[in-house]
Amino acid sequence: MSRRSVLTLFAGSAGVLLSGCGTPGGEPLPQWTGDVGATAPPSTSQSPSLTPRQPLRSPSAEPEPTGIGGEAFLPNRLVMAAVEVDAPVIEVGVQDRVLGVPEDPRELGRWSDGARPFDGTGSIVLTGHVDYRGIPGALKPLVDLAPGDEAFLFGAGGQEVRYVTESVNVYLKQALPFEEIFVFDIAERLVLITCGGEFDRATGHYESNIVAYLPRA
């Protein structure tokens, strides 16, 4: 699937889901695989419900996003000084409608089919743990991010781009607005996602997701 493709994020009631973001106290990592509104998780043999549509722009007319020296910008580091976040970024994909989260809680994962810095449109989605096996996750401080706080993405080629926090939202997982998060037809922005809210020991899940929206400055 091309990263330039606009994705249909709902097929019936099914959307792109997020894997577990970690648990307190060193408990096993939960995997959130239930569909929105569903009562049971989908079969692991089920194919991802991601349907490409027409690209927003013709691939032949769309230049590769570039930074210093004309190199393509693949972010490899996120820095948010206001909440003391400085974390490496790796690529993650979607499998069985679940968007991956790096196993190492100190790393962040960029949705590899999403937008990239300097695309001009689309959501650059980064996911990370709130904690995992007793280790604080890179996005644990996300809930403390405030409107106006800055974030910088850095690339291996020396590129740098600045984003400014617009809002930080707490959504119950069953009410997570997938279409709003993963939209392509929007001015370029950074979207940061981790788990939060109360931890339900009976289900092994956090009840909510913390989602921050940061337009490019």
Protein backbone atom coordinates (compact mmCIF):
# COMPACT_ATOMS: atom_id res chain seq x y z
CA MET A 1 0.00 0.00 0.00
CA SER A 2 1.46 3.35 -0.98
CA ARG A 3 1.93 5.89 1.79
CA ARG A 4 0.34 8.38 -0.60
CA SER A 5 -2.93 6.49 -0.69
CA VAL A 6 -5.90 7.89 1.15
CA LEU A 7 -7.19 5.07 3.37
CA THR A 8 -10.75 4.19 4.23
CA LEU A 9 -10.40 3.82 7.98
CA PHE A 10 -13.78 2.25 8.56
CA ALA A 11 -15.15 -0.88 6.95
CA GLY A 12 -18.56 -1.27 8.51
CA SER A 13 -17.78 -0.69 12.17
CA ALA A 14 -14.13 -1.76 11.91
CA GLY A 15 -11.31 0.74 11.96
CA VAL A 16 -7.56 0.86 12.35
CA LEU A 17 -6.87 -0.22 15.91
CA LEU A 18 -4.00 0.47 18.26
CA SER A 19 -2.08 -2.23 20.04
CA GLY A 20 -1.69 -2.01 23.81
CA CYS A 21 0.36 0.87 25.16
CA GLY A 22 1.75 -0.86 28.21
CA THR A 23 0.63 -1.74 31.71
CA PRO A 24 1.62 -0.66 35.19
CA GLY A 25 3.57 -2.84 37.57
CA GLY A 26 5.37 -4.95 34.97
CA GLU A 27 2.30 -6.84 33.78
CA PRO A 28 2.20 -8.38 30.27
CA LEU A 29 1.51 -6.00 27.42
CA PRO A 30 -2.19 -6.10 26.45
CA GLN A 31 -3.17 -6.18 22.80
CA TRP A 32 -6.20 -4.05 22.04
CA THR A 33 -7.75 -5.82 19.06
CA GLY A 34 -11.48 -5.32 19.58
CA ASP A 35 -13.41 -3.47 16.87
CA VAL A 36 -15.23 -0.28 17.78
CA GLY A 37 -18.62 -1.36 19.07
CA ALA A 38 -17.76 -5.04 18.80
CA THR A 39 -18.05 -7.50 21.66
CA ALA A 40 -15.20 -9.81 20.62
CA PRO A 41 -11.83 -9.32 18.94
CA PRO A 42 -11.51 -10.14 15.23
CA SER A 43 -9.87 -13.36 14.13
CA THR A 44 -6.11 -13.03 13.73
CA SER A 45 -6.50 -14.56 10.27
CA GLN A 46 -8.66 -11.66 9.14
CA SER A 47 -7.15 -9.31 6.55
CA PRO A 48 -6.64 -5.64 7.38
CA SER A 49 -9.70 -3.51 6.54
CA LEU A 50 -7.75 -0.80 4.75
CA THR A 51 -9.00 0.14 1.32
CA PRO A 52 -6.95 2.52 -0.86
CA ARG A 53 -8.84 5.23 -2.73
CA GLN A 54 -7.60 7.68 -5.33
CA PRO A 55 -4.50 9.61 -4.18
CA LEU A 56 -4.98 13.23 -3.21
CA ARG A 57 -2.43 14.13 -5.87
CA SER A 58 -0.94 12.31 -8.80
CA PRO A 59 2.20 10.44 -7.66
CA SER A 60 4.01 11.74 -10.74
CA ALA A 61 3.27 15.31 -9.67
CA GLU A 62 4.16 14.80 -6.01
CA PRO A 63 7.82 15.36 -5.15
CA GLU A 64 9.44 13.38 -2.39
CA PRO A 65 9.48 15.39 0.84
CA THR A 66 12.97 16.77 1.30
CA GLY A 67 15.07 18.61 3.81
CA ILE A 68 18.74 19.43 4.00
CA GLY A 69 20.61 18.28 0.91
CA GLY A 70 17.39 17.20 -0.82
CA GLU A 71 17.19 13.93 1.14
CA ALA A 72 13.80 12.35 1.85
CA PHE A 73 12.69 13.13 5.39
CA LEU A 74 12.14 9.99 7.45
CA PRO A 75 11.93 11.18 11.07
CA ASN A 76 14.11 9.34 13.53
CA ARG A 77 13.73 11.45 16.67
CA LEU A 78 11.04 13.44 18.49
CA VAL A 79 11.88 16.15 21.02
CA MET A 80 9.33 17.97 23.19
CA ALA A 81 11.24 20.03 25.74
CA ALA A 82 8.12 21.19 27.60
CA VAL A 83 7.42 17.63 28.82
CA GLU A 84 11.02 16.33 28.69
CA VAL A 85 10.48 13.92 25.79
CA ASP A 86 13.48 12.98 23.65
CA ALA A 87 12.87 9.66 21.93
CA PRO A 88 13.98 7.75 18.83
CA VAL A 89 11.38 7.07 16.14
CA ILE A 90 11.12 3.83 14.15
CA GLU A 91 8.70 2.71 11.44
CA VAL A 92 5.65 0.60 12.38
CA GLY A 93 2.87 -0.82 10.22
CA VAL A 94 -0.65 -2.16 10.42
CA GLN A 95 -1.35 -5.89 10.72
CA ASP A 96 -4.82 -7.37 11.14
CA ARG A 97 -6.12 -3.81 11.54
CA VAL A 98 -3.79 -3.21 14.51
CA LEU A 99 -1.33 -0.33 14.36
CA GLY A 100 1.89 -1.45 15.98
CA VAL A 101 3.69 0.07 18.95
CA PRO A 102 7.44 -0.51 19.42
CA GLU A 103 8.17 -3.14 22.05
CA ASP A 104 10.87 -0.93 23.56
CA PRO A 105 8.97 1.64 25.65
CA ARG A 106 11.72 4.18 25.03
CA GLU A 107 10.97 4.22 21.28
CA LEU A 108 8.13 5.72 19.26
CA GLY A 109 6.58 4.20 16.16
CA ARG A 110 5.63 6.18 13.05
CA TRP A 111 2.73 4.84 11.00
CA SER A 112 4.72 3.98 7.88
CA ASP A 113 1.79 4.52 5.47
CA GLY A 114 1.01 7.92 6.92
CA ALA A 115 2.25 11.35 5.98
CA ARG A 116 5.86 12.44 6.36
CA PRO A 117 7.27 15.84 7.32
CA PHE A 118 7.02 18.40 4.53
CA ASP A 119 4.30 16.42 2.70
CA GLY A 120 2.11 19.47 3.24
CA THR A 121 -1.00 17.39 3.95
CA GLY A 122 -1.89 14.43 6.11
CA SER A 123 -1.34 13.06 9.59
CA ILE A 124 2.08 11.98 10.81
CA VAL A 125 1.00 9.46 13.44
CA LEU A 126 3.41 8.45 16.22
CA THR A 127 2.48 5.85 18.82
CA GLY A 128 4.22 4.87 22.03
CA HIS A 129 3.79 3.14 25.36
CA VAL A 130 2.74 4.88 28.52
CA ASP A 131 4.71 2.17 30.36
CA TYR A 132 5.80 -1.41 29.79
CA ARG A 133 7.11 -3.99 32.26
CA GLY A 134 7.65 -1.31 34.85
CA ILE A 135 9.57 1.00 32.48
CA PRO A 136 8.02 4.44 31.80
CA GLY A 137 7.13 4.89 28.14
CA ALA A 138 8.40 7.67 25.91
CA LEU A 139 4.91 9.19 25.76
CA LYS A 140 4.08 8.88 29.45
CA PRO A 141 4.24 12.70 29.81
CA LEU A 142 1.89 13.25 26.85
CA VAL A 143 -1.06 13.98 29.12
CA ASP A 144 0.85 17.01 30.46
CA LEU A 145 1.42 18.54 27.02
CA ALA A 146 -0.35 21.90 26.73
CA PRO A 147 -1.57 24.01 23.80
CA GLY A 148 1.32 26.06 22.47
CA ASP A 149 4.00 23.55 23.49
CA GLU A 150 6.48 22.79 20.71
CA ALA A 151 7.58 19.48 19.22
CA PHE A 152 10.45 18.91 16.81
CA LEU A 153 10.95 15.99 14.46
CA PHE A 154 14.51 15.33 13.32
CA GLY A 155 15.71 13.26 10.35
CA ALA A 156 18.83 11.24 9.71
CA GLY A 157 19.84 13.71 7.00
CA GLY A 158 19.88 16.63 9.43
CA GLN A 159 16.31 17.76 8.69
CA GLU A 160 14.24 19.46 11.36
CA VAL A 161 10.59 20.49 11.45
CA ARG A 162 8.57 22.21 14.16
CA TYR A 163 5.01 21.49 15.28
CA VAL A 164 2.94 23.33 17.89
CA THR A 165 0.38 21.67 20.15
CA GLU A 166 -3.20 22.56 19.31
CA SER A 167 -5.01 20.20 21.68
CA VAL A 168 -4.57 17.13 23.89
CA ASN A 169 -7.60 14.87 24.15
CA VAL A 170 -8.61 11.88 26.24
CA TYR A 171 -10.89 9.40 24.46
CA LEU A 172 -12.44 6.23 25.78
CA LYS A 173 -11.00 3.52 23.54
CA GLN A 174 -14.39 2.49 22.21
CA ALA A 175 -14.97 6.11 21.17
CA LEU A 176 -11.57 6.79 19.57
CA PRO A 177 -12.20 8.94 16.44
CA PHE A 178 -10.17 6.94 13.90
CA GLU A 179 -11.23 8.99 10.90
CA GLU A 180 -10.16 12.21 12.62
CA ILE A 181 -6.78 10.76 13.66
CA PHE A 182 -5.72 9.09 10.42
CA VAL A 183 -7.15 11.60 7.92
CA PHE A 184 -5.01 12.55 4.91
CA ASP A 185 -7.07 15.42 3.50
CA ILE A 186 -5.92 17.96 6.09
CA ALA A 187 -3.04 20.39 6.49
CA GLU A 188 0.08 18.55 7.65
CA ARG A 189 0.12 17.81 11.36
CA LEU A 190 1.71 15.54 13.95
CA VAL A 191 -0.56 13.20 15.92
CA LEU A 192 0.76 11.54 19.08
CA ILE A 193 -1.04 8.59 20.67
CA THR A 194 -0.57 6.62 23.88
CA CYS A 195 -2.76 4.94 26.47
CA GLY A 196 -4.13 6.64 29.54
CA GLY A 197 -6.97 6.98 31.97
CA GLU A 198 -7.81 4.23 34.43
CA PHE A 199 -6.25 0.79 34.14
CA ASP A 200 -8.80 -2.04 34.30
CA ARG A 201 -7.05 -5.05 35.83
CA ALA A 202 -10.01 -7.27 34.98
CA THR A 203 -9.55 -6.72 31.24
CA GLY A 204 -5.84 -5.89 31.18
CA HIS A 205 -6.46 -2.62 29.34
CA TYR A 206 -6.24 1.08 29.94
CA GLU A 207 -9.68 2.53 29.44
CA SER A 208 -8.61 5.50 27.32
CA ASN A 209 -6.19 6.85 24.76
CA ILE A 210 -4.39 10.18 25.01
CA VAL A 211 -4.22 11.88 21.59
CA ALA A 212 -2.39 15.14 20.89
CA TYR A 213 -2.78 17.13 17.66
CA LEU A 214 0.08 19.38 16.59
CA PRO A 215 -0.15 21.32 13.30
CA ARG A 216 3.08 22.18 11.53
CA ALA A 217 4.34 25.62 12.51
